[in-house]
Amino acid sequence: MQELLASSTVRFFARDWSYLGDRDSLGAEIELATGIEPGEDAEKASVARKMSWLSHRQTTREEDMVYCMLGLFGVNMPLLYGEGPKAFHCLQEEIVRQTADLTIFCWWHSTEETGDFHPLLAPRPSTFRAAGGFFLRPKSRNIMVHTWSITTRGLSLSLPTIRTLSGAFIRLDDVQHKDTLPHESWVFLHVSS
């Protein structure tokens, strides 16, 4: 995936080495297979957008799905085969340590997957499948306005919270979805029930 985004020229060949086309001529097919739009700049993409690309990947080993994305997120972490889903959790922790991008919390799951428990970090890459439209509002890019960190007890953060009878919601003021207008309401994250 990194080669697809980083290289200035990419040519595709079939198994018999017959030429299929380049990134420009196969742009629609590449977007359909990966979710990456032609000419998209990976450095400007939000964490949720990059995770949505990861959600479409299939790998033989669970850890490989995580390790193939380290360069896109600009993080380093040990490659420990055998840790299974924990590798994805560790990737998210590293991203939280190095970025102020709140879109990392913009994932979706069903109650069958996690029950009534709503963790802030996603349980698996597939939960980001529909998150590709989330981005940080331009005024907030590269500005750390919230306090968050990884501690020995987990993720510690300070964000505006609204409590209701059905649970608590975190208001992600700096996050917007591409299908909403700039003046429309905030993105809310349900964190408990």
Protein backbone atom coordinates (compact mmCIF):
# COMPACT_ATOMS: atom_id res chain seq x y z
CA MET A 1 0.00 0.00 0.00
CA GLN A 2 2.82 2.44 0.79
CA GLU A 3 4.35 1.82 -2.62
CA LEU A 4 1.03 2.64 -4.25
CA LEU A 5 0.86 6.01 -2.48
CA ALA A 6 4.51 7.06 -2.28
CA SER A 7 5.90 6.18 -5.69
CA SER A 8 5.69 8.80 -8.42
CA THR A 9 5.29 6.08 -11.08
CA VAL A 10 3.52 2.78 -10.56
CA ARG A 11 3.00 0.25 -13.34
CA PHE A 12 0.87 -2.87 -13.01
CA PHE A 13 1.57 -6.20 -14.71
CA ALA A 14 -0.37 -9.46 -14.89
CA ARG A 15 1.07 -12.80 -13.78
CA ASP A 16 2.35 -13.41 -17.30
CA TRP A 17 4.08 -9.98 -17.20
CA SER A 18 1.70 -8.41 -19.70
CA TYR A 19 1.29 -4.70 -19.01
CA LEU A 20 -2.08 -3.75 -17.46
CA GLY A 21 -1.62 -0.01 -17.01
CA ASP A 22 -0.31 2.63 -14.62
CA ARG A 23 -1.77 4.32 -11.55
CA ASP A 24 -3.48 6.99 -13.65
CA SER A 25 -5.10 4.69 -16.19
CA LEU A 26 -6.24 2.23 -13.49
CA GLY A 27 -7.33 4.92 -11.00
CA ALA A 28 -10.99 3.81 -10.83
CA GLU A 29 -10.05 0.15 -10.30
CA ILE A 30 -7.48 1.07 -7.63
CA GLU A 31 -10.02 3.21 -5.80
CA LEU A 32 -12.59 0.41 -5.92
CA ALA A 33 -10.09 -2.12 -4.51
CA THR A 34 -8.39 0.10 -1.90
CA GLY A 35 -10.61 3.11 -1.19
CA ILE A 36 -7.70 5.38 -2.18
CA GLU A 37 -8.79 8.12 -4.57
CA PRO A 38 -6.56 8.88 -7.60
CA GLY A 39 -3.95 11.48 -6.66
CA GLU A 40 -4.76 11.30 -2.94
CA ASP A 41 -2.07 12.67 -0.61
CA ALA A 42 -1.48 10.18 2.22
CA GLU A 43 0.26 12.80 4.36
CA LYS A 44 -2.89 14.95 4.43
CA ALA A 45 -5.29 12.07 5.04
CA SER A 46 -6.81 11.75 8.50
CA VAL A 47 -6.14 8.76 10.72
CA ALA A 48 -9.70 7.53 10.10
CA ARG A 49 -9.16 7.78 6.34
CA LYS A 50 -5.94 5.77 6.47
CA MET A 51 -7.60 3.22 8.75
CA SER A 52 -10.43 2.86 6.23
CA TRP A 53 -7.80 1.84 3.67
CA LEU A 54 -6.47 -0.73 6.12
CA SER A 55 -9.98 -2.09 6.73
CA HIS A 56 -10.18 -3.41 3.16
CA ARG A 57 -6.90 -5.34 3.31
CA GLN A 58 -6.63 -9.07 3.71
CA THR A 59 -3.47 -10.68 5.04
CA THR A 60 -2.50 -14.21 5.97
CA ARG A 61 -1.39 -13.20 9.46
CA GLU A 62 -3.40 -10.78 11.56
CA GLU A 63 -0.31 -8.83 12.56
CA ASP A 64 0.73 -8.21 8.93
CA MET A 65 -2.35 -6.04 8.42
CA VAL A 66 -1.04 -3.73 11.14
CA TYR A 67 2.64 -3.86 10.29
CA CYS A 68 2.01 -2.91 6.64
CA MET A 69 0.65 0.46 7.81
CA LEU A 70 3.45 1.59 10.14
CA GLY A 71 5.07 3.77 7.47
CA LEU A 72 1.79 5.48 6.51
CA PHE A 73 1.22 6.51 10.11
CA GLY A 74 4.89 7.36 10.69
CA VAL A 75 5.13 5.16 13.77
CA ASN A 76 7.64 2.61 14.95
CA MET A 77 6.83 -0.40 17.05
CA PRO A 78 8.29 -3.87 17.48
CA LEU A 79 7.07 -6.57 15.10
CA LEU A 80 5.87 -9.26 17.46
CA TYR A 81 4.24 -12.15 15.66
CA GLY A 82 1.84 -14.15 17.79
CA GLU A 83 0.15 -11.20 19.51
CA GLY A 84 -2.87 -11.31 17.15
CA PRO A 85 -5.44 -8.52 17.72
CA LYS A 86 -3.19 -6.89 20.31
CA ALA A 87 -1.00 -5.63 17.44
CA PHE A 88 -3.87 -3.40 16.24
CA HIS A 89 -4.41 -2.04 19.74
CA CYS A 90 -0.67 -1.27 20.02
CA LEU A 91 -0.73 0.52 16.64
CA GLN A 92 -3.56 2.76 17.84
CA GLU A 93 -1.72 3.53 21.07
CA GLU A 94 1.36 4.57 19.08
CA ILE A 95 -0.78 6.80 16.85
CA VAL A 96 -2.34 8.43 19.92
CA ARG A 97 1.13 9.09 21.34
CA GLN A 98 2.24 10.88 18.18
CA THR A 99 -0.79 12.73 16.82
CA ALA A 100 -3.65 15.00 17.87
CA ASP A 101 -5.96 13.53 15.21
CA LEU A 102 -9.27 12.78 16.96
CA THR A 103 -10.57 10.85 13.94
CA ILE A 104 -8.89 7.78 15.44
CA PHE A 105 -12.06 7.53 17.55
CA CYS A 106 -14.41 7.63 14.50
CA TRP A 107 -15.08 3.95 13.97
CA TRP A 108 -18.27 1.91 14.05
CA HIS A 109 -19.11 -1.47 15.55
CA SER A 110 -22.20 -3.50 16.23
CA THR A 111 -23.23 -4.59 19.70
CA GLU A 112 -22.69 -8.20 18.58
CA GLU A 113 -18.97 -7.39 18.26
CA THR A 114 -18.40 -5.68 21.60
CA GLY A 115 -21.63 -6.07 23.59
CA ASP A 116 -22.52 -3.06 25.70
CA PHE A 117 -18.85 -2.22 26.20
CA HIS A 118 -17.75 0.72 24.04
CA PRO A 119 -13.97 1.12 24.13
CA LEU A 120 -12.41 4.26 22.67
CA LEU A 121 -9.86 2.33 20.61
CA ALA A 122 -11.21 0.10 17.87
CA PRO A 123 -11.15 -3.68 18.31
CA ARG A 124 -10.16 -4.45 14.69
CA PRO A 125 -9.36 -2.66 11.41
CA SER A 126 -12.71 -3.61 9.83
CA THR A 127 -14.52 -1.24 12.22
CA PHE A 128 -13.04 1.68 10.22
CA ARG A 129 -14.57 0.50 6.93
CA ALA A 130 -17.08 3.40 6.83
CA ALA A 131 -14.78 5.99 8.45
CA GLY A 132 -13.00 7.26 5.33
CA GLY A 133 -15.04 10.48 5.21
CA PHE A 134 -13.90 11.83 8.60
CA PHE A 135 -11.27 14.57 8.73
CA LEU A 136 -9.99 17.23 11.10
CA ARG A 137 -11.46 20.66 10.50
CA PRO A 138 -8.76 22.78 8.81
CA LYS A 139 -8.48 25.24 11.71
CA SER A 140 -7.59 22.44 14.12
CA ARG A 141 -4.96 20.63 12.03
CA ASN A 142 -1.65 20.30 13.92
CA ILE A 143 -3.00 22.06 17.01
CA MET A 144 -3.12 20.05 20.22
CA VAL A 145 -6.23 21.43 21.91
CA HIS A 146 -7.08 18.37 23.96
CA THR A 147 -5.16 16.54 26.62
CA TRP A 148 -4.66 12.83 26.05
CA SER A 149 -2.04 10.23 26.75
CA ILE A 150 -1.43 6.53 27.14
CA THR A 151 -0.85 5.57 30.75
CA THR A 152 -0.19 2.26 32.47
CA ARG A 153 -3.95 2.08 33.08
CA GLY A 154 -4.95 2.82 29.47
CA LEU A 155 -6.00 5.88 27.48
CA SER A 156 -6.41 9.07 29.50
CA LEU A 157 -8.12 12.01 27.80
CA SER A 158 -9.96 15.22 28.52
CA LEU A 159 -12.70 16.05 26.01
CA PRO A 160 -16.14 17.70 26.26
CA THR A 161 -18.59 15.06 27.52
CA ILE A 162 -22.38 15.03 27.48
CA ARG A 163 -24.10 12.63 29.86
CA THR A 164 -27.57 11.25 29.07
CA LEU A 165 -29.77 8.49 30.45
CA SER A 166 -28.45 6.13 27.75
CA GLY A 167 -24.80 6.82 28.49
CA ALA A 168 -22.08 9.34 27.84
CA PHE A 169 -21.08 10.97 24.60
CA ILE A 170 -17.78 12.63 23.79
CA ARG A 171 -18.07 15.68 21.55
CA LEU A 172 -15.37 15.73 18.88
CA ASP A 173 -15.48 19.45 18.01
CA ASP A 174 -12.54 19.33 15.61
CA VAL A 175 -13.82 16.40 13.52
CA GLN A 176 -16.08 16.71 10.51
CA HIS A 177 -17.43 14.27 7.93
CA LYS A 178 -17.09 15.07 4.23
CA ASP A 179 -20.88 14.75 3.76
CA THR A 180 -21.71 17.53 6.27
CA LEU A 181 -21.51 21.29 5.94
CA PRO A 182 -18.91 23.15 8.05
CA HIS A 183 -21.60 24.79 10.23
CA GLU A 184 -23.44 21.52 10.99
CA SER A 185 -23.34 19.87 14.39
CA TRP A 186 -20.42 18.13 16.02
CA VAL A 187 -19.45 14.48 15.77
CA PHE A 188 -20.40 12.54 18.90
CA LEU A 189 -18.82 9.36 20.16
CA HIS A 190 -20.88 7.06 22.41
CA VAL A 191 -18.62 5.76 25.16
CA SER A 192 -20.88 3.95 27.63
CA SER A 193 -24.40 2.72 28.13
